[in-house]
Amino acid sequence: MVSQGRTHGYRIYDYHVPATRNLSGGLDAAGAGEGDIIEFEACVLEYERASRVPGQRTWRREETGQHTAVILGAKRSTVTVLEQNVDSRKVVQPGSYDLRHMVKGRVQIFRPVGESWCPPLETSW
């Protein structure tokens, strides 16, 4: 099955913030794993960092925009991926995202399937 726009097979997971506030059983329940495709749509993730000043908190903020990656592994709320075009680097590199830290956006995971699994999609109207 050829990708249609930003749809890359059978959708097995759909999580968006703020509408969905829990991970619906997490990536384990969805069965997400190696070879699946993850699609980020305008996601913002905020991670707390250690501060050098006692009692003060600092945050690291990541914004994904429209971003597609191949999943290497998934456990609970963390997905490990192979991706490119990160920090203006045009090379494929490993990355990791913890969806518990997502404060905005949508993540969808697709399982690539062959055309024999479903009929060809008609994309013209």
N, C-alpha and C. Protein backbone atom coordinates (compact mmCIF):
# COMPACT_ATOMS: atom_id res chain seq x y z
N MET A 1 0.85 -1.17 0.00
CA MET A 1 0.00 0.00 0.00
C MET A 1 0.90 1.24 0.00
N VAL A 2 0.74 2.08 -0.96
CA VAL A 2 1.53 3.29 -1.08
C VAL A 2 1.00 4.34 -0.11
N SER A 3 1.90 5.09 0.52
CA SER A 3 1.48 6.16 1.42
C SER A 3 0.57 7.13 0.69
N GLN A 4 -0.47 7.59 1.37
CA GLN A 4 -1.39 8.58 0.83
C GLN A 4 -1.28 9.83 1.69
N GLY A 5 -0.61 10.86 1.16
CA GLY A 5 -0.38 12.06 1.96
C GLY A 5 0.48 11.72 3.16
N ARG A 6 -0.06 11.90 4.35
CA ARG A 6 0.69 11.59 5.57
C ARG A 6 0.13 10.35 6.26
N THR A 7 -0.55 9.49 5.51
CA THR A 7 -1.06 8.22 6.01
C THR A 7 -0.20 7.11 5.42
N HIS A 8 0.37 6.26 6.28
CA HIS A 8 1.38 5.31 5.84
C HIS A 8 1.00 3.87 6.15
N GLY A 9 -0.24 3.48 5.93
CA GLY A 9 -0.69 2.12 6.21
C GLY A 9 -1.89 2.13 7.13
N TYR A 10 -2.01 1.09 7.94
CA TYR A 10 -3.13 0.94 8.86
C TYR A 10 -2.79 1.66 10.17
N ARG A 11 -3.65 2.60 10.60
CA ARG A 11 -3.39 3.35 11.83
C ARG A 11 -3.67 2.46 13.03
N ILE A 12 -2.65 2.32 13.90
CA ILE A 12 -2.81 1.50 15.10
C ILE A 12 -2.83 2.33 16.38
N TYR A 13 -2.50 3.63 16.27
CA TYR A 13 -2.43 4.47 17.47
C TYR A 13 -2.71 5.91 17.09
N ASP A 14 -3.49 6.60 17.91
CA ASP A 14 -3.82 8.02 17.67
C ASP A 14 -3.92 8.69 19.03
N TYR A 15 -3.05 9.64 19.27
CA TYR A 15 -2.99 10.33 20.56
C TYR A 15 -2.85 11.82 20.30
N HIS A 16 -3.73 12.62 20.90
CA HIS A 16 -3.62 14.07 20.72
C HIS A 16 -3.92 14.80 22.01
N VAL A 17 -3.19 15.87 22.21
CA VAL A 17 -3.31 16.70 23.40
C VAL A 17 -3.76 18.07 22.94
N PRO A 18 -4.72 18.70 23.55
CA PRO A 18 -5.24 18.40 24.88
C PRO A 18 -6.46 17.49 24.91
N ALA A 19 -7.03 17.09 23.80
CA ALA A 19 -8.27 16.30 23.81
C ALA A 19 -8.12 14.97 24.54
N THR A 20 -7.05 14.25 24.32
CA THR A 20 -6.81 12.97 24.98
C THR A 20 -5.77 13.20 26.06
N ARG A 21 -6.13 13.03 27.32
CA ARG A 21 -5.16 13.32 28.37
C ARG A 21 -4.46 12.07 28.92
N ASN A 22 -4.90 10.88 28.56
CA ASN A 22 -4.11 9.72 28.97
C ASN A 22 -3.66 8.98 27.72
N LEU A 23 -2.69 8.14 27.87
CA LEU A 23 -2.09 7.47 26.72
C LEU A 23 -2.85 6.23 26.27
N SER A 24 -4.07 6.02 26.77
CA SER A 24 -4.94 4.92 26.34
C SER A 24 -4.24 3.58 26.37
N GLY A 25 -3.56 3.27 27.47
CA GLY A 25 -2.88 1.99 27.57
C GLY A 25 -1.46 2.03 27.05
N GLY A 26 -1.07 3.15 26.51
CA GLY A 26 0.31 3.31 26.05
C GLY A 26 0.60 2.62 24.74
N LEU A 27 1.85 2.75 24.35
CA LEU A 27 2.30 2.20 23.08
C LEU A 27 2.29 0.68 23.11
N ASP A 28 2.46 0.08 24.31
CA ASP A 28 2.42 -1.38 24.43
C ASP A 28 1.05 -1.92 24.02
N ALA A 29 -0.01 -1.28 24.50
CA ALA A 29 -1.36 -1.73 24.19
C ALA A 29 -1.67 -1.64 22.69
N ALA A 30 -1.08 -0.65 22.03
CA ALA A 30 -1.29 -0.50 20.59
C ALA A 30 -0.48 -1.51 19.79
N GLY A 31 0.51 -2.11 20.43
CA GLY A 31 1.36 -3.05 19.72
C GLY A 31 2.39 -2.37 18.83
N ALA A 32 2.67 -1.09 19.09
CA ALA A 32 3.64 -0.35 18.26
C ALA A 32 5.02 -0.99 18.40
N GLY A 33 5.72 -1.09 17.28
CA GLY A 33 7.03 -1.70 17.33
C GLY A 33 7.87 -1.42 16.11
N GLU A 34 8.96 -2.11 16.04
CA GLU A 34 9.97 -1.92 14.99
C GLU A 34 9.35 -1.97 13.60
N GLY A 35 9.66 -0.94 12.81
CA GLY A 35 9.18 -0.89 11.43
C GLY A 35 7.91 -0.08 11.25
N ASP A 36 7.19 0.21 12.34
CA ASP A 36 6.00 1.05 12.22
C ASP A 36 6.43 2.49 11.93
N ILE A 37 5.52 3.27 11.41
CA ILE A 37 5.79 4.66 11.05
C ILE A 37 5.06 5.56 12.04
N ILE A 38 5.79 6.54 12.61
CA ILE A 38 5.17 7.50 13.53
C ILE A 38 5.11 8.86 12.83
N GLU A 39 3.97 9.49 12.95
CA GLU A 39 3.71 10.79 12.31
C GLU A 39 3.40 11.79 13.42
N PHE A 40 4.22 12.83 13.53
CA PHE A 40 4.02 13.91 14.49
C PHE A 40 3.37 15.08 13.77
N GLU A 41 2.36 15.68 14.40
CA GLU A 41 1.70 16.86 13.84
C GLU A 41 1.70 17.98 14.88
N ALA A 42 2.55 18.97 14.67
CA ALA A 42 2.62 20.16 15.52
C ALA A 42 2.74 19.82 17.01
N CYS A 43 3.60 18.87 17.33
CA CYS A 43 3.77 18.44 18.71
C CYS A 43 4.74 19.34 19.46
N VAL A 44 4.43 19.54 20.74
CA VAL A 44 5.32 20.24 21.66
C VAL A 44 5.52 19.32 22.85
N LEU A 45 6.78 19.03 23.15
CA LEU A 45 7.14 18.22 24.31
C LEU A 45 7.98 19.07 25.25
N GLU A 46 7.68 19.01 26.55
CA GLU A 46 8.42 19.79 27.53
C GLU A 46 9.01 18.84 28.57
N TYR A 47 10.33 18.91 28.73
CA TYR A 47 11.06 18.07 29.67
C TYR A 47 11.69 18.95 30.74
N GLU A 48 11.54 18.53 32.01
CA GLU A 48 12.17 19.26 33.11
C GLU A 48 13.65 18.89 33.16
N ARG A 49 14.49 19.88 33.39
CA ARG A 49 15.93 19.67 33.51
C ARG A 49 16.40 20.09 34.89
N ALA A 50 17.49 19.51 35.30
CA ALA A 50 18.09 19.91 36.58
C ALA A 50 18.59 21.34 36.47
N SER A 51 18.38 22.09 37.51
CA SER A 51 18.82 23.48 37.55
C SER A 51 20.04 23.60 38.45
N ARG A 52 20.91 24.52 38.11
CA ARG A 52 22.08 24.77 38.95
C ARG A 52 21.71 25.60 40.18
N VAL A 53 20.53 26.20 40.14
CA VAL A 53 20.07 27.02 41.26
C VAL A 53 19.08 26.19 42.09
N PRO A 54 19.39 25.92 43.35
CA PRO A 54 18.49 25.12 44.19
C PRO A 54 17.09 25.73 44.23
N GLY A 55 16.08 24.86 44.11
CA GLY A 55 14.70 25.30 44.18
C GLY A 55 14.15 25.87 42.88
N GLN A 56 14.98 25.96 41.85
CA GLN A 56 14.53 26.51 40.57
C GLN A 56 14.41 25.38 39.55
N ARG A 57 13.38 25.44 38.71
CA ARG A 57 13.17 24.43 37.68
C ARG A 57 13.42 25.05 36.31
N THR A 58 14.02 24.29 35.43
CA THR A 58 14.19 24.74 34.05
C THR A 58 13.60 23.68 33.13
N TRP A 59 13.25 24.09 31.93
CA TRP A 59 12.57 23.20 30.99
C TRP A 59 13.27 23.22 29.64
N ARG A 60 13.25 22.06 29.00
CA ARG A 60 13.71 21.95 27.61
C ARG A 60 12.47 21.70 26.78
N ARG A 61 12.30 22.46 25.72
CA ARG A 61 11.09 22.38 24.90
C ARG A 61 11.48 21.89 23.50
N GLU A 62 10.77 20.88 23.00
CA GLU A 62 10.96 20.38 21.65
C GLU A 62 9.68 20.59 20.86
N GLU A 63 9.81 21.10 19.65
CA GLU A 63 8.67 21.26 18.75
C GLU A 63 8.96 20.46 17.49
N THR A 64 8.00 19.61 17.08
CA THR A 64 8.26 18.71 15.96
C THR A 64 7.76 19.22 14.62
N GLY A 65 6.76 20.11 14.60
CA GLY A 65 6.15 20.46 13.32
C GLY A 65 5.57 19.21 12.68
N GLN A 66 5.56 19.14 11.35
CA GLN A 66 5.17 17.91 10.64
C GLN A 66 6.43 17.05 10.55
N HIS A 67 6.41 15.88 11.14
CA HIS A 67 7.63 15.07 11.19
C HIS A 67 7.25 13.60 11.11
N THR A 68 7.99 12.85 10.31
CA THR A 68 7.77 11.42 10.12
C THR A 68 9.04 10.68 10.50
N ALA A 69 8.90 9.53 11.17
CA ALA A 69 10.06 8.73 11.56
C ALA A 69 9.69 7.25 11.54
N VAL A 70 10.70 6.40 11.53
CA VAL A 70 10.52 4.95 11.58
C VAL A 70 10.82 4.49 13.00
N ILE A 71 9.92 3.70 13.56
CA ILE A 71 10.07 3.24 14.94
C ILE A 71 11.07 2.08 15.02
N LEU A 72 11.99 2.20 15.98
CA LEU A 72 12.92 1.11 16.31
C LEU A 72 12.40 0.28 17.47
N GLY A 73 11.69 0.95 18.40
CA GLY A 73 11.14 0.27 19.56
C GLY A 73 10.20 1.18 20.31
N ALA A 74 9.30 0.58 21.09
CA ALA A 74 8.33 1.36 21.87
C ALA A 74 8.06 0.61 23.17
N LYS A 75 8.06 1.36 24.26
CA LYS A 75 7.78 0.78 25.57
C LYS A 75 7.08 1.82 26.42
N ARG A 76 5.93 1.46 26.95
CA ARG A 76 5.09 2.35 27.75
C ARG A 76 4.81 3.64 26.98
N SER A 77 5.43 4.74 27.38
CA SER A 77 5.14 6.02 26.71
C SER A 77 6.32 6.52 25.87
N THR A 78 7.39 5.72 25.79
CA THR A 78 8.58 6.17 25.07
C THR A 78 8.74 5.42 23.75
N VAL A 79 9.01 6.18 22.71
CA VAL A 79 9.24 5.60 21.39
C VAL A 79 10.65 5.98 20.94
N THR A 80 11.40 4.98 20.46
CA THR A 80 12.74 5.18 19.92
C THR A 80 12.62 5.08 18.41
N VAL A 81 13.23 6.03 17.71
CA VAL A 81 13.02 6.14 16.27
C VAL A 81 14.33 6.33 15.51
N LEU A 82 14.25 6.14 14.19
CA LEU A 82 15.25 6.62 13.26
C LEU A 82 14.61 7.77 12.52
N GLU A 83 15.30 8.92 12.46
CA GLU A 83 14.72 10.10 11.86
C GLU A 83 15.80 10.93 11.18
N GLN A 84 15.38 11.84 10.35
CA GLN A 84 16.32 12.79 9.75
C GLN A 84 15.71 14.17 9.78
N ASN A 85 16.50 15.17 9.37
CA ASN A 85 16.08 16.57 9.39
C ASN A 85 15.77 17.05 10.80
N VAL A 86 16.60 16.65 11.75
CA VAL A 86 16.49 17.09 13.14
C VAL A 86 17.64 18.05 13.41
N ASP A 87 17.31 19.19 13.98
CA ASP A 87 18.32 20.23 14.25
C ASP A 87 19.10 20.58 12.99
N SER A 88 18.39 20.65 11.87
CA SER A 88 18.95 21.02 10.57
C SER A 88 19.98 20.01 10.05
N ARG A 89 20.04 18.84 10.64
CA ARG A 89 20.96 17.80 10.16
C ARG A 89 20.21 16.91 9.18
N LYS A 90 20.75 16.75 7.99
CA LYS A 90 20.09 15.99 6.92
C LYS A 90 20.54 14.53 6.88
N VAL A 91 20.95 13.99 8.02
CA VAL A 91 21.38 12.60 8.08
C VAL A 91 20.42 11.82 8.97
N VAL A 92 20.31 10.52 8.70
CA VAL A 92 19.47 9.67 9.53
C VAL A 92 20.18 9.44 10.85
N GLN A 93 19.41 9.59 11.94
CA GLN A 93 19.98 9.46 13.28
C GLN A 93 18.95 8.90 14.24
N PRO A 94 19.38 8.26 15.32
CA PRO A 94 18.42 7.77 16.30
C PRO A 94 17.86 8.92 17.13
N GLY A 95 16.66 8.74 17.62
CA GLY A 95 16.03 9.72 18.49
C GLY A 95 15.07 9.02 19.43
N SER A 96 14.58 9.74 20.41
CA SER A 96 13.66 9.17 21.39
C SER A 96 12.68 10.25 21.85
N TYR A 97 11.43 9.86 22.02
CA TYR A 97 10.39 10.78 22.48
C TYR A 97 9.58 10.11 23.59
N ASP A 98 9.35 10.82 24.67
CA ASP A 98 8.50 10.33 25.75
C ASP A 98 7.18 11.09 25.65
N LEU A 99 6.14 10.40 25.22
CA LEU A 99 4.86 11.05 24.95
C LEU A 99 4.17 11.56 26.21
N ARG A 100 4.62 11.15 27.40
CA ARG A 100 4.06 11.72 28.63
C ARG A 100 4.36 13.21 28.73
N HIS A 101 5.39 13.66 28.03
CA HIS A 101 5.80 15.07 28.09
C HIS A 101 5.20 15.91 26.98
N MET A 102 4.29 15.31 26.21
CA MET A 102 3.65 16.06 25.13
C MET A 102 2.56 16.96 25.71
N VAL A 103 2.65 18.25 25.42
CA VAL A 103 1.68 19.21 25.94
C VAL A 103 0.78 19.76 24.83
N LYS A 104 1.09 19.43 23.59
CA LYS A 104 0.30 19.91 22.46
C LYS A 104 0.61 19.04 21.25
N GLY A 105 -0.40 18.86 20.38
CA GLY A 105 -0.17 18.18 19.11
C GLY A 105 -0.83 16.82 19.00
N ARG A 106 -0.47 16.12 17.93
CA ARG A 106 -1.05 14.82 17.64
C ARG A 106 0.04 13.87 17.15
N VAL A 107 -0.04 12.63 17.63
CA VAL A 107 0.86 11.57 17.19
C VAL A 107 -0.01 10.43 16.66
N GLN A 108 0.33 9.95 15.47
CA GLN A 108 -0.33 8.77 14.91
C GLN A 108 0.75 7.76 14.55
N ILE A 109 0.43 6.48 14.75
CA ILE A 109 1.35 5.41 14.38
C ILE A 109 0.64 4.52 13.37
N PHE A 110 1.37 4.21 12.30
CA PHE A 110 0.83 3.41 11.21
C PHE A 110 1.64 2.14 11.04
N ARG A 111 0.96 1.05 10.73
CA ARG A 111 1.60 -0.21 10.39
C ARG A 111 1.57 -0.36 8.88
N PRO A 112 2.74 -0.37 8.23
CA PRO A 112 2.75 -0.56 6.78
C PRO A 112 2.13 -1.91 6.41
N VAL A 113 1.31 -1.92 5.39
CA VAL A 113 0.66 -3.15 4.93
C VAL A 113 0.75 -3.23 3.41
N GLY A 114 0.73 -4.43 2.88
CA GLY A 114 0.77 -4.63 1.44
C GLY A 114 -0.61 -4.41 0.82
N GLU A 115 -0.65 -4.18 -0.49
CA GLU A 115 -1.93 -3.97 -1.17
C GLU A 115 -2.81 -5.21 -1.11
N SER A 116 -2.22 -6.38 -0.94
CA SER A 116 -3.03 -7.60 -0.86
C SER A 116 -3.85 -7.62 0.42
N TRP A 117 -3.44 -6.82 1.43
CA TRP A 117 -4.16 -6.78 2.70
C TRP A 117 -5.44 -5.96 2.60
N CYS A 118 -5.46 -4.98 1.72
CA CYS A 118 -6.64 -4.17 1.53
C CYS A 118 -6.69 -3.73 0.06
N PRO A 119 -7.87 -3.41 -0.44
CA PRO A 119 -7.94 -2.99 -1.84
C PRO A 119 -7.22 -1.66 -2.05
N PRO A 120 -6.77 -1.39 -3.28
CA PRO A 120 -6.12 -0.10 -3.57
C PRO A 120 -7.04 1.07 -3.21
N LEU A 121 -6.46 2.14 -2.71
CA LEU A 121 -7.23 3.31 -2.34
C LEU A 121 -7.47 4.18 -3.57
N GLU A 122 -8.67 4.67 -3.69
CA GLU A 122 -9.01 5.61 -4.77
C GLU A 122 -8.87 7.01 -4.21
N THR A 123 -7.92 7.78 -4.73
CA THR A 123 -7.67 9.10 -4.16
C THR A 123 -8.28 10.23 -4.95
N SER A 124 -8.89 9.94 -6.08
CA SER A 124 -9.55 11.01 -6.84
C SER A 124 -11.03 11.03 -6.48
N TRP A 125 -11.63 12.18 -6.60
CA TRP A 125 -13.05 12.33 -6.23
C TRP A 125 -13.87 12.44 -7.46
